[in-house]
Amino acid sequence: MAAPRLFAASSILSAVAVGTLLTGCSASVNVEKPELKMSAEKLANLVAEKLAATANQPKPNVTCPEDVPAKVGTTTRCKLTADDGTTLGVTATVSSVEGTKMNFDIQADETPTAAPS
């Protein structure tokens, strides 16, 4: 089961390297009103889903470092990690907030970072 995951993440990284994801994408999700923020885990899942859909590949392993408040312009850096340790930075920016719905612009970096040796 590990081999398909490695291939999928590597395929996404390769796709990014050749420009498939460089145009970025947008996503939106409803958040609970009392907290008016999105958890890091939920954002990572959203970013992974959007990158997978853009590259027409299985969902990659994405982590985001912090919860994101529902404030337009708020930016966080997430990280896509392939099974071989290669990483790719992804920027998620809150583009609009409509009630409890947060919309994001998602932009993958142009160049992946090789795994540490």
PDB file of N, CA and C in Angstrom:
ATOM      1  N   MET A   1       0.814  -1.194   0.000  1.00  0.00           N
ATOM      2  CA  MET A   1       0.000   0.000   0.000  1.00  0.00           C
ATOM      3  C   MET A   1       0.859   1.259   0.000  1.00  0.00           C
ATOM      4  N   ALA A   2       2.096   1.189   0.532  1.00  0.00           N
ATOM      5  CA  ALA A   2       2.964   2.368   0.580  1.00  0.00           C
ATOM      6  C   ALA A   2       3.416   2.788  -0.810  1.00  0.00           C
ATOM      7  N   ALA A   3       3.633   1.831  -1.702  1.00  0.00           N
ATOM      8  CA  ALA A   3       4.112   2.172  -3.045  1.00  0.00           C
ATOM      9  C   ALA A   3       3.135   3.055  -3.807  1.00  0.00           C
ATOM     10  N   PRO A   4       1.808   2.764  -3.802  1.00  0.00           N
ATOM     11  CA  PRO A   4       0.892   3.665  -4.515  1.00  0.00           C
ATOM     12  C   PRO A   4       0.880   5.068  -3.927  1.00  0.00           C
ATOM     13  N   ARG A   5       0.989   5.192  -2.601  1.00  0.00           N
ATOM     14  CA  ARG A   5       0.995   6.509  -1.953  1.00  0.00           C
ATOM     15  C   ARG A   5       2.225   7.296  -2.392  1.00  0.00           C
ATOM     16  N   LEU A   6       3.401   6.639  -2.424  1.00  0.00           N
ATOM     17  CA  LEU A   6       4.629   7.287  -2.874  1.00  0.00           C
ATOM     18  C   LEU A   6       4.472   7.749  -4.311  1.00  0.00           C
ATOM     19  N   PHE A   7       3.936   6.873  -5.150  1.00  0.00           N
ATOM     20  CA  PHE A   7       3.758   7.228  -6.545  1.00  0.00           C
ATOM     21  C   PHE A   7       2.817   8.414  -6.684  1.00  0.00           C
ATOM     22  N   ALA A   8       1.728   8.401  -5.925  1.00  0.00           N
ATOM     23  CA  ALA A   8       0.749   9.495  -6.021  1.00  0.00           C
ATOM     24  C   ALA A   8       1.365  10.819  -5.601  1.00  0.00           C
ATOM     25  N   ALA A   9       2.062  10.831  -4.461  1.00  0.00           N
ATOM     26  CA  ALA A   9       2.667  12.074  -3.984  1.00  0.00           C
ATOM     27  C   ALA A   9       3.770  12.523  -4.942  1.00  0.00           C
ATOM     28  N   SER A  10       4.558  11.572  -5.414  1.00  0.00           N
ATOM     29  CA  SER A  10       5.616  11.919  -6.359  1.00  0.00           C
ATOM     30  C   SER A  10       5.030  12.447  -7.653  1.00  0.00           C
ATOM     31  N   SER A  11       3.906  11.858  -8.086  1.00  0.00           N
ATOM     32  CA  SER A  11       3.255  12.335  -9.300  1.00  0.00           C
ATOM     33  C   SER A  11       2.776  13.767  -9.136  1.00  0.00           C
ATOM     34  N   ILE A  12       2.232  14.081  -7.981  1.00  0.00           N
ATOM     35  CA  ILE A  12       1.770  15.448  -7.743  1.00  0.00           C
ATOM     36  C   ILE A  12       2.964  16.395  -7.728  1.00  0.00           C
ATOM     37  N   LEU A  13       4.049  15.992  -7.065  1.00  0.00           N
ATOM     38  CA  LEU A  13       5.231  16.844  -7.052  1.00  0.00           C
ATOM     39  C   LEU A  13       5.768  17.022  -8.465  1.00  0.00           C
ATOM     40  N   SER A  14       5.769  15.968  -9.251  1.00  0.00           N
ATOM     41  CA  SER A  14       6.236  16.072 -10.629  1.00  0.00           C
ATOM     42  C   SER A  14       5.329  16.992 -11.428  1.00  0.00           C
ATOM     43  N   ALA A  15       4.034  16.865 -11.215  1.00  0.00           N
ATOM     44  CA  ALA A  15       3.081  17.713 -11.930  1.00  0.00           C
ATOM     45  C   ALA A  15       3.311  19.176 -11.594  1.00  0.00           C
ATOM     46  N   VAL A  16       3.602  19.443 -10.345  1.00  0.00           N
ATOM     47  CA  VAL A  16       3.863  20.817  -9.937  1.00  0.00           C
ATOM     48  C   VAL A  16       5.128  21.315 -10.609  1.00  0.00           C
ATOM     49  N   ALA A  17       6.140  20.470 -10.650  1.00  0.00           N
ATOM     50  CA  ALA A  17       7.415  20.875 -11.227  1.00  0.00           C
ATOM     51  C   ALA A  17       7.276  21.262 -12.698  1.00  0.00           C
ATOM     52  N   VAL A  18       6.356  20.628 -13.393  1.00  0.00           N
ATOM     53  CA  VAL A  18       6.184  20.968 -14.800  1.00  0.00           C
ATOM     54  C   VAL A  18       5.086  21.987 -15.039  1.00  0.00           C
ATOM     55  N   GLY A  19       4.504  22.498 -13.982  1.00  0.00           N
ATOM     56  CA  GLY A  19       3.582  23.616 -14.133  1.00  0.00           C
ATOM     57  C   GLY A  19       2.110  23.290 -14.042  1.00  0.00           C
ATOM     58  N   THR A  20       1.741  22.051 -13.787  1.00  0.00           N
ATOM     59  CA  THR A  20       0.331  21.707 -13.748  1.00  0.00           C
ATOM     60  C   THR A  20      -0.418  22.470 -12.670  1.00  0.00           C
ATOM     61  N   LEU A  21       0.172  22.643 -11.482  1.00  0.00           N
ATOM     62  CA  LEU A  21      -0.515  23.290 -10.379  1.00  0.00           C
ATOM     63  C   LEU A  21      -0.152  24.758 -10.210  1.00  0.00           C
ATOM     64  N   LEU A  22       0.679  25.285 -11.062  1.00  0.00           N
ATOM     65  CA  LEU A  22       1.182  26.635 -10.857  1.00  0.00           C
ATOM     66  C   LEU A  22       0.110  27.705 -10.987  1.00  0.00           C
ATOM     67  N   THR A  23      -0.994  27.379 -11.581  1.00  0.00           N
ATOM     68  CA  THR A  23      -2.049  28.373 -11.731  1.00  0.00           C
ATOM     69  C   THR A  23      -2.819  28.569 -10.436  1.00  0.00           C
ATOM     70  N   GLY A  24      -2.685  27.658  -9.474  1.00  0.00           N
ATOM     71  CA  GLY A  24      -3.396  27.776  -8.207  1.00  0.00           C
ATOM     72  C   GLY A  24      -4.834  27.346  -8.364  1.00  0.00           C
ATOM     73  N   CYS A  25      -5.555  27.370  -7.265  1.00  0.00           N
ATOM     74  CA  CYS A  25      -6.947  26.997  -7.281  1.00  0.00           C
ATOM     75  C   CYS A  25      -7.631  27.672  -6.097  1.00  0.00           C
ATOM     76  N   SER A  26      -8.934  27.551  -6.036  1.00  0.00           N
ATOM     77  CA  SER A  26      -9.694  28.143  -4.952  1.00  0.00           C
ATOM     78  C   SER A  26     -10.559  27.072  -4.316  1.00  0.00           C
ATOM     79  N   ALA A  27     -10.892  27.273  -3.056  1.00  0.00           N
ATOM     80  CA  ALA A  27     -11.735  26.327  -2.337  1.00  0.00           C
ATOM     81  C   ALA A  27     -12.524  27.078  -1.286  1.00  0.00           C
ATOM     82  N   SER A  28     -13.618  26.471  -0.842  1.00  0.00           N
ATOM     83  CA  SER A  28     -14.387  27.083   0.231  1.00  0.00           C
ATOM     84  C   SER A  28     -14.950  25.996   1.128  1.00  0.00           C
ATOM     85  N   VAL A  29     -15.230  26.372   2.368  1.00  0.00           N
ATOM     86  CA  VAL A  29     -15.763  25.425   3.339  1.00  0.00           C
ATOM     87  C   VAL A  29     -16.513  26.209   4.406  1.00  0.00           C
ATOM     88  N   ASN A  30     -17.547  25.601   4.970  1.00  0.00           N
ATOM     89  CA  ASN A  30     -18.278  26.230   6.068  1.00  0.00           C
ATOM     90  C   ASN A  30     -17.552  25.961   7.376  1.00  0.00           C
ATOM     91  N   VAL A  31     -17.518  26.947   8.253  1.00  0.00           N
ATOM     92  CA  VAL A  31     -16.895  26.796   9.559  1.00  0.00           C
ATOM     93  C   VAL A  31     -17.937  27.089  10.633  1.00  0.00           C
ATOM     94  N   GLU A  32     -17.692  26.603  11.835  1.00  0.00           N
ATOM     95  CA  GLU A  32     -18.607  26.850  12.946  1.00  0.00           C
ATOM     96  C   GLU A  32     -18.563  28.315  13.341  1.00  0.00           C
ATOM     97  N   LYS A  33     -19.710  28.918  13.533  1.00  0.00           N
ATOM     98  CA  LYS A  33     -19.796  30.346  13.813  1.00  0.00           C
ATOM     99  C   LYS A  33     -19.088  30.766  15.114  1.00  0.00           C
ATOM    100  N   PRO A  34     -19.224  30.036  16.245  1.00  0.00           N
ATOM    101  CA  PRO A  34     -18.593  30.519  17.478  1.00  0.00           C
ATOM    102  C   PRO A  34     -17.085  30.712  17.385  1.00  0.00           C
ATOM    103  N   GLU A  35     -16.395  29.860  16.655  1.00  0.00           N
ATOM    104  CA  GLU A  35     -14.938  29.980  16.602  1.00  0.00           C
ATOM    105  C   GLU A  35     -14.452  30.826  15.438  1.00  0.00           C
ATOM    106  N   LEU A  36     -15.213  30.901  14.378  1.00  0.00           N
ATOM    107  CA  LEU A  36     -14.841  31.654  13.183  1.00  0.00           C
ATOM    108  C   LEU A  36     -13.384  31.451  12.780  1.00  0.00           C
ATOM    109  N   LYS A  37     -13.014  30.182  12.707  1.00  0.00           N
ATOM    110  CA  LYS A  37     -11.692  29.808  12.220  1.00  0.00           C
ATOM    111  C   LYS A  37     -11.782  28.390  11.684  1.00  0.00           C
ATOM    112  N   MET A  38     -10.797  28.014  10.892  1.00  0.00           N
ATOM    113  CA  MET A  38     -10.728  26.654  10.389  1.00  0.00           C
ATOM    114  C   MET A  38      -9.553  25.962  11.056  1.00  0.00           C
ATOM    115  N   SER A  39      -9.769  24.742  11.484  1.00  0.00           N
ATOM    116  CA  SER A  39      -8.685  23.997  12.128  1.00  0.00           C
ATOM    117  C   SER A  39      -7.610  23.671  11.100  1.00  0.00           C
ATOM    118  N   ALA A  40      -6.394  23.516  11.585  1.00  0.00           N
ATOM    119  CA  ALA A  40      -5.259  23.176  10.717  1.00  0.00           C
ATOM    120  C   ALA A  40      -5.525  21.855   9.996  1.00  0.00           C
ATOM    121  N   GLU A  41      -6.121  20.907  10.696  1.00  0.00           N
ATOM    122  CA  GLU A  41      -6.403  19.594  10.105  1.00  0.00           C
ATOM    123  C   GLU A  41      -7.431  19.696   8.974  1.00  0.00           C
ATOM    124  N   LYS A  42      -8.481  20.459   9.190  1.00  0.00           N
ATOM    125  CA  LYS A  42      -9.513  20.627   8.166  1.00  0.00           C
ATOM    126  C   LYS A  42      -8.946  21.365   6.946  1.00  0.00           C
ATOM    127  N   LEU A  43      -8.120  22.368   7.192  1.00  0.00           N
ATOM    128  CA  LEU A  43      -7.499  23.100   6.086  1.00  0.00           C
ATOM    129  C   LEU A  43      -6.572  22.183   5.292  1.00  0.00           C
ATOM    130  N   ALA A  44      -5.772  21.373   5.987  1.00  0.00           N
ATOM    131  CA  ALA A  44      -4.862  20.448   5.300  1.00  0.00           C
ATOM    132  C   ALA A  44      -5.645  19.498   4.407  1.00  0.00           C
ATOM    133  N   ASN A  45      -6.776  19.011   4.899  1.00  0.00           N
ATOM    134  CA  ASN A  45      -7.612  18.113   4.112  1.00  0.00           C
ATOM    135  C   ASN A  45      -8.174  18.834   2.885  1.00  0.00           C
ATOM    136  N   LEU A  46      -8.625  20.057   3.067  1.00  0.00           N
ATOM    137  CA  LEU A  46      -9.154  20.846   1.958  1.00  0.00           C
ATOM    138  C   LEU A  46      -8.079  21.105   0.900  1.00  0.00           C
ATOM    139  N   VAL A  47      -6.892  21.496   1.346  1.00  0.00           N
ATOM    140  CA  VAL A  47      -5.779  21.760   0.419  1.00  0.00           C
ATOM    141  C   VAL A  47      -5.434  20.486  -0.349  1.00  0.00           C
ATOM    142  N   ALA A  48      -5.349  19.354   0.353  1.00  0.00           N
ATOM    143  CA  ALA A  48      -5.019  18.079  -0.297  1.00  0.00           C
ATOM    144  C   ALA A  48      -6.070  17.713  -1.348  1.00  0.00           C
ATOM    145  N   GLU A  49      -7.342  17.891  -1.004  1.00  0.00           N
ATOM    146  CA  GLU A  49      -8.411  17.576  -1.953  1.00  0.00           C
ATOM    147  C   GLU A  49      -8.324  18.452  -3.204  1.00  0.00           C
ATOM    148  N   LYS A  50      -8.087  19.735  -3.015  1.00  0.00           N
ATOM    149  CA  LYS A  50      -8.029  20.647  -4.158  1.00  0.00           C
ATOM    150  C   LYS A  50      -6.809  20.391  -5.030  1.00  0.00           C
ATOM    151  N   LEU A  51      -5.660  20.099  -4.423  1.00  0.00           N
ATOM    152  CA  LEU A  51      -4.459  19.788  -5.203  1.00  0.00           C
ATOM    153  C   LEU A  51      -4.659  18.495  -5.989  1.00  0.00           C
ATOM    154  N   ALA A  52      -5.268  17.492  -5.354  1.00  0.00           N
ATOM    155  CA  ALA A  52      -5.522  16.218  -6.025  1.00  0.00           C
ATOM    156  C   ALA A  52      -6.458  16.417  -7.213  1.00  0.00           C
ATOM    157  N   ALA A  53      -7.500  17.204  -7.020  1.00  0.00           N
ATOM    158  CA  ALA A  53      -8.447  17.457  -8.105  1.00  0.00           C
ATOM    159  C   ALA A  53      -7.782  18.228  -9.248  1.00  0.00           C
ATOM    160  N   THR A  54      -6.952  19.203  -8.909  1.00  0.00           N
ATOM    161  CA  THR A  54      -6.268  20.005  -9.929  1.00  0.00           C
ATOM    162  C   THR A  54      -5.306  19.146 -10.746  1.00  0.00           C
ATOM    163  N   ALA A  55      -4.592  18.227 -10.073  1.00  0.00           N
ATOM    164  CA  ALA A  55      -3.597  17.391 -10.754  1.00  0.00           C
ATOM    165  C   ALA A  55      -4.178  16.070 -11.246  1.00  0.00           C
ATOM    166  N   ASN A  56      -5.480  15.829 -10.938  1.00  0.00           N
ATOM    167  CA  ASN A  56      -6.126  14.569 -11.288  1.00  0.00           C
ATOM    168  C   ASN A  56      -5.337  13.376 -10.752  1.00  0.00           C
ATOM    169  N   GLN A  57      -4.939  13.491  -9.480  1.00  0.00           N
ATOM    170  CA  GLN A  57      -4.149  12.469  -8.795  1.00  0.00           C
ATOM    171  C   GLN A  57      -4.805  12.153  -7.450  1.00  0.00           C
ATOM    172  N   PRO A  58      -4.408  11.046  -6.802  1.00  0.00           N
ATOM    173  CA  PRO A  58      -4.918  10.761  -5.458  1.00  0.00           C
ATOM    174  C   PRO A  58      -4.510  11.867  -4.469  1.00  0.00           C
ATOM    175  N   LYS A  59      -5.254  11.966  -3.392  1.00  0.00           N
ATOM    176  CA  LYS A  59      -5.014  13.000  -2.383  1.00  0.00           C
ATOM    177  C   LYS A  59      -3.631  12.821  -1.742  1.00  0.00           C
ATOM    178  N   PRO A  60      -2.805  13.879  -1.745  1.00  0.00           N
ATOM    179  CA  PRO A  60      -1.464  13.796  -1.149  1.00  0.00           C
ATOM    180  C   PRO A  60      -1.499  14.021   0.365  1.00  0.00           C
ATOM    181  N   ASN A  61      -0.372  13.807   1.009  1.00  0.00           N
ATOM    182  CA  ASN A  61      -0.210  14.056   2.439  1.00  0.00           C
ATOM    183  C   ASN A  61       0.125  15.537   2.620  1.00  0.00           C
ATOM    184  N   VAL A  62      -0.793  16.294   3.216  1.00  0.00           N
ATOM    185  CA  VAL A  62      -0.602  17.722   3.436  1.00  0.00           C
ATOM    186  C   VAL A  62      -0.786  18.021   4.923  1.00  0.00           C
ATOM    187  N   THR A  63       0.086  18.859   5.460  1.00  0.00           N
ATOM    188  CA  THR A  63      -0.062  19.335   6.840  1.00  0.00           C
ATOM    189  C   THR A  63      -0.040  20.859   6.846  1.00  0.00           C
ATOM    190  N   CYS A  64      -0.809  21.429   7.752  1.00  0.00           N
ATOM    191  CA  CYS A  64      -0.830  22.883   7.943  1.00  0.00           C
ATOM    192  C   CYS A  64      -0.508  23.138   9.415  1.00  0.00           C
ATOM    193  N   PRO A  65       0.261  24.181   9.715  1.00  0.00           N
ATOM    194  CA  PRO A  65       0.789  24.372  11.061  1.00  0.00           C
ATOM    195  C   PRO A  65      -0.166  24.962  12.095  1.00  0.00           C
ATOM    196  N   GLU A  66      -1.260  25.591  11.640  1.00  0.00           N
ATOM    197  CA  GLU A  66      -2.080  26.321  12.609  1.00  0.00           C
ATOM    198  C   GLU A  66      -3.507  26.478  12.128  1.00  0.00           C
ATOM    199  N   ASP A  67      -4.410  26.743  13.071  1.00  0.00           N
ATOM    200  CA  ASP A  67      -5.779  27.091  12.719  1.00  0.00           C
ATOM    201  C   ASP A  67      -5.751  28.445  12.019  1.00  0.00           C
ATOM    202  N   VAL A  68      -6.723  28.666  11.138  1.00  0.00           N
ATOM    203  CA  VAL A  68      -6.766  29.909  10.371  1.00  0.00           C
ATOM    204  C   VAL A  68      -8.035  30.677  10.732  1.00  0.00           C
ATOM    205  N   PRO A  69      -7.870  31.918  11.226  1.00  0.00           N
ATOM    206  CA  PRO A  69      -9.049  32.727  11.548  1.00  0.00           C
ATOM    207  C   PRO A  69      -9.784  33.158  10.278  1.00  0.00           C
ATOM    208  N   ALA A  70     -11.084  33.367  10.414  1.00  0.00           N
ATOM    209  CA  ALA A  70     -11.917  33.769   9.284  1.00  0.00           C
ATOM    210  C   ALA A  70     -11.761  35.258   9.021  1.00  0.00           C
ATOM    211  N   LYS A  71     -10.580  35.642   8.555  1.00  0.00           N
ATOM    212  CA  LYS A  71     -10.270  37.038   8.257  1.00  0.00           C
ATOM    213  C   LYS A  71      -9.637  37.100   6.871  1.00  0.00           C
ATOM    214  N   VAL A  72     -10.246  37.862   5.979  1.00  0.00           N
ATOM    215  CA  VAL A  72      -9.746  37.990   4.609  1.00  0.00           C
ATOM    216  C   VAL A  72      -8.288  38.443   4.634  1.00  0.00           C
ATOM    217  N   GLY A  73      -7.489  37.770   3.824  1.00  0.00           N
ATOM    218  CA  GLY A  73      -6.073  38.101   3.721  1.00  0.00           C
ATOM    219  C   GLY A  73      -5.172  37.255   4.606  1.00  0.00           C
ATOM    220  N   THR A  74      -5.764  36.524   5.552  1.00  0.00           N
ATOM    221  CA  THR A  74      -4.953  35.663   6.412  1.00  0.00           C
ATOM    222  C   THR A  74      -4.322  34.567   5.559  1.00  0.00           C
ATOM    223  N   THR A  75      -3.026  34.372   5.721  1.00  0.00           N
ATOM    224  CA  THR A  75      -2.279  33.400   4.932  1.00  0.00           C
ATOM    225  C   THR A  75      -1.569  32.429   5.860  1.00  0.00           C
ATOM    226  N   THR A  76      -1.526  31.176   5.453  1.00  0.00           N
ATOM    227  CA  THR A  76      -0.735  30.180   6.165  1.00  0.00           C
ATOM    228  C   THR A  76      -0.005  29.337   5.134  1.00  0.00           C
ATOM    229  N   ARG A  77       1.103  28.758   5.560  1.00  0.00           N
ATOM    230  CA  ARG A  77       1.906  27.896   4.691  1.00  0.00           C
ATOM    231  C   ARG A  77       1.709  26.449   5.097  1.00  0.00           C
ATOM    232  N   CYS A  78       1.245  25.655   4.175  1.00  0.00           N
ATOM    233  CA  CYS A  78       1.079  24.227   4.400  1.00  0.00           C
ATOM    234  C   CYS A  78       2.202  23.501   3.665  1.00  0.00           C
ATOM    235  N   LYS A  79       2.315  22.203   3.937  1.00  0.00           N
ATOM    236  CA  LYS A  79       3.403  21.437   3.327  1.00  0.00           C
ATOM    237  C   LYS A  79       2.881  20.104   2.809  1.00  0.00           C
ATOM    238  N   LEU A  80       3.137  19.828   1.544  1.00  0.00           N
ATOM    239  CA  LEU A  80       2.860  18.544   0.943  1.00  0.00           C
ATOM    240  C   LEU A  80       4.140  17.721   1.083  1.00  0.00           C
ATOM    241  N   THR A  81       4.024  16.504   1.608  1.00  0.00           N
ATOM    242  CA  THR A  81       5.191  15.650   1.791  1.00  0.00           C
ATOM    243  C   THR A  81       4.984  14.327   1.081  1.00  0.00           C
ATOM    244  N   ALA A  82       5.913  13.979   0.191  1.00  0.00           N
ATOM    245  CA  ALA A  82       5.889  12.688  -0.492  1.00  0.00           C
ATOM    246  C   ALA A  82       6.495  11.634   0.440  1.00  0.00           C
ATOM    247  N   ASP A  83       6.210  10.373   0.160  1.00  0.00           N
ATOM    248  CA  ASP A  83       6.739   9.291   0.986  1.00  0.00           C
ATOM    249  C   ASP A  83       8.262   9.251   1.000  1.00  0.00           C
ATOM    250  N   ASP A  84       8.902   9.783  -0.047  1.00  0.00           N
ATOM    251  CA  ASP A  84      10.366   9.790  -0.092  1.00  0.00           C
ATOM    252  C   ASP A  84      10.961  10.983   0.661  1.00  0.00           C
ATOM    253  N   GLY A  85      10.093  11.818   1.266  1.00  0.00           N
ATOM    254  CA  GLY A  85      10.566  12.955   2.046  1.00  0.00           C
ATOM    255  C   GLY A  85      10.622  14.257   1.282  1.00  0.00           C
ATOM    256  N   THR A  86      10.432  14.211  -0.028  1.00  0.00           N
ATOM    257  CA  THR A  86      10.390  15.431  -0.832  1.00  0.00           C
ATOM    258  C   THR A  86       9.191  16.253  -0.389  1.00  0.00           C
ATOM    259  N   THR A  87       9.371  17.574  -0.283  1.00  0.00           N
ATOM    260  CA  THR A  87       8.280  18.432   0.168  1.00  0.00           C
ATOM    261  C   THR A  87       7.995  19.538  -0.847  1.00  0.00           C
ATOM    262  N   LEU A  88       6.811  20.081  -0.723  1.00  0.00           N
ATOM    263  CA  LEU A  88       6.392  21.185  -1.572  1.00  0.00           C
ATOM    264  C   LEU A  88       5.570  22.131  -0.715  1.00  0.00           C
ATOM    265  N   GLY A  89       5.933  23.383  -0.702  1.00  0.00           N
ATOM    266  CA  GLY A  89       5.182  24.380   0.051  1.00  0.00           C
ATOM    267  C   GLY A  89       3.907  24.765  -0.677  1.00  0.00           C
ATOM    268  N   VAL A  90       2.862  25.028   0.112  1.00  0.00           N
ATOM    269  CA  VAL A  90       1.579  25.434  -0.437  1.00  0.00           C
ATOM    270  C   VAL A  90       1.062  26.597   0.408  1.00  0.00           C
ATOM    271  N   THR A  91       0.682  27.684  -0.230  1.00  0.00           N
ATOM    272  CA  THR A  91       0.144  28.840   0.472  1.00  0.00           C
ATOM    273  C   THR A  91      -1.371  28.831   0.357  1.00  0.00           C
ATOM    274  N   ALA A  92      -2.056  28.947   1.498  1.00  0.00           N
ATOM    275  CA  ALA A  92      -3.518  29.038   1.530  1.00  0.00           C
ATOM    276  C   ALA A  92      -3.870  30.408   2.106  1.00  0.00           C
ATOM    277  N   THR A  93      -4.635  31.194   1.353  1.00  0.00           N
ATOM    278  CA  THR A  93      -4.999  32.546   1.751  1.00  0.00           C
ATOM    279  C   THR A  93      -6.523  32.667   1.794  1.00  0.00           C
ATOM    280  N   VAL A  94      -7.039  33.212   2.890  1.00  0.00           N
ATOM    281  CA  VAL A  94      -8.477  33.443   2.997  1.00  0.00           C
ATOM    282  C   VAL A  94      -8.823  34.556   2.009  1.00  0.00           C
ATOM    283  N   SER A  95      -9.634  34.213   0.998  1.00  0.00           N
ATOM    284  CA  SER A  95      -9.978  35.198  -0.033  1.00  0.00           C
ATOM    285  C   SER A  95     -11.292  35.910   0.272  1.00  0.00           C
ATOM    286  N   SER A  96     -12.196  35.248   0.995  1.00  0.00           N
ATOM    287  CA  SER A  96     -13.438  35.896   1.412  1.00  0.00           C
ATOM    288  C   SER A  96     -14.092  35.073   2.509  1.00  0.00           C
ATOM    289  N   VAL A  97     -14.948  35.741   3.273  1.00  0.00           N
ATOM    290  CA  VAL A  97     -15.715  35.084   4.329  1.00  0.00           C
ATOM    291  C   VAL A  97     -17.160  35.520   4.138  1.00  0.00           C
ATOM    292  N   GLU A  98     -18.046  34.545   3.984  1.00  0.00           N
ATOM    293  CA  GLU A  98     -19.468  34.809   3.790  1.00  0.00           C
ATOM    294  C   GLU A  98     -20.234  34.085   4.886  1.00  0.00           C
ATOM    295  N   GLY A  99     -20.572  34.793   5.976  1.00  0.00           N
ATOM    296  CA  GLY A  99     -21.210  34.141   7.117  1.00  0.00           C
ATOM    297  C   GLY A  99     -20.234  33.181   7.752  1.00  0.00           C
ATOM    298  N   THR A 100     -20.538  31.870   7.680  1.00  0.00           N
ATOM    299  CA  THR A 100     -19.629  30.864   8.229  1.00  0.00           C
ATOM    300  C   THR A 100     -18.828  30.160   7.133  1.00  0.00           C
ATOM    301  N   LYS A 101     -18.898  30.642   5.915  1.00  0.00           N
ATOM    302  CA  LYS A 101     -18.179  30.032   4.795  1.00  0.00           C
ATOM    303  C   LYS A 101     -16.896  30.798   4.527  1.00  0.00           C
ATOM    304  N   MET A 102     -15.773  30.074   4.555  1.00  0.00           N
ATOM    305  CA  MET A 102     -14.467  30.657   4.242  1.00  0.00           C
ATOM    306  C   MET A 102     -14.050  30.193   2.855  1.00  0.00           C
ATOM    307  N   ASN A 103     -13.602  31.126   2.037  1.00  0.00           N
ATOM    308  CA  ASN A 103     -13.092  30.810   0.706  1.00  0.00           C
ATOM    309  C   ASN A 103     -11.583  31.019   0.710  1.00  0.00           C
ATOM    310  N   PHE A 104     -10.884  30.127   0.037  1.00  0.00           N
ATOM    311  CA  PHE A 104      -9.423  30.159   0.018  1.00  0.00           C
ATOM    312  C   PHE A 104      -8.881  30.198  -1.395  1.00  0.00           C
ATOM    313  N   ASP A 105      -7.764  30.877  -1.572  1.00  0.00           N
ATOM    314  CA  ASP A 105      -6.939  30.750  -2.762  1.00  0.00           C
ATOM    315  C   ASP A 105      -5.784  29.856  -2.338  1.00  0.00           C
ATOM    316  N   ILE A 106      -5.500  28.837  -3.142  1.00  0.00           N
ATOM    317  CA  ILE A 106      -4.464  27.860  -2.817  1.00  0.00           C
ATOM    318  C   ILE A 106      -3.424  27.887  -3.926  1.00  0.00           C
ATOM    319  N   GLN A 107      -2.171  28.096  -3.545  1.00  0.00           N
ATOM    320  CA  GLN A 107      -1.088  28.213  -4.529  1.00  0.00           C
ATOM    321  C   GLN A 107       0.090  27.332  -4.119  1.00  0.00           C
ATOM    322  N   ALA A 108       0.436  26.372  -4.968  1.00  0.00           N
ATOM    323  CA  ALA A 108       1.593  25.514  -4.715  1.00  0.00           C
ATOM    324  C   ALA A 108       2.852  26.211  -5.190  1.00  0.00           C
ATOM    325  N   ASP A 109       3.964  25.991  -4.478  1.00  0.00           N
ATOM    326  CA  ASP A 109       5.253  26.533  -4.906  1.00  0.00           C
ATOM    327  C   ASP A 109       5.646  25.922  -6.242  1.00  0.00           C
ATOM    328  N   GLU A 110       6.528  26.593  -6.948  1.00  0.00           N
ATOM    329  CA  GLU A 110       6.986  26.106  -8.237  1.00  0.00           C
ATOM    330  C   GLU A 110       7.973  24.948  -8.117  1.00  0.00           C
ATOM    331  N   THR A 111       8.781  24.950  -7.054  1.00  0.00           N
ATOM    332  CA  THR A 111       9.861  23.981  -6.943  1.00  0.00           C
ATOM    333  C   THR A 111       9.768  23.173  -5.653  1.00  0.00           C
ATOM    334  N   PRO A 112       9.766  21.841  -5.749  1.00  0.00           N
ATOM    335  CA  PRO A 112       9.793  21.022  -4.531  1.00  0.00           C
ATOM    336  C   PRO A 112      11.169  21.064  -3.872  1.00  0.00           C
ATOM    337  N   THR A 113      11.206  20.718  -2.597  1.00  0.00           N
ATOM    338  CA  THR A 113      12.452  20.628  -1.854  1.00  0.00           C
ATOM    339  C   THR A 113      12.808  19.163  -1.683  1.00  0.00           C
ATOM    340  N   ALA A 114      14.020  18.790  -2.044  1.00  0.00           N
ATOM    341  CA  ALA A 114      14.455  17.405  -1.941  1.00  0.00           C
ATOM    342  C   ALA A 114      14.499  16.956  -0.478  1.00  0.00           C
ATOM    343  N   ALA A 115      14.327  15.678  -0.285  1.00  0.00           N
ATOM    344  CA  ALA A 115      14.405  15.105   1.053  1.00  0.00           C
ATOM    345  C   ALA A 115      15.813  15.277   1.603  1.00  0.00           C
ATOM    346  N   PRO A 116      15.933  15.481   2.927  1.00  0.00           N
ATOM    347  CA  PRO A 116      17.265  15.579   3.512  1.00  0.00           C
ATOM    348  C   PRO A 116      18.028  14.270   3.318  1.00  0.00           C
ATOM    349  N   SER A 117      19.339  14.383   3.083  1.00  0.00           N
ATOM    350  CA  SER A 117      20.120  13.160   2.875  1.00  0.00           C
ATOM    351  C   SER A 117      20.643  12.602   4.168  1.00  0.00           C
TER     352      SER A 117
END
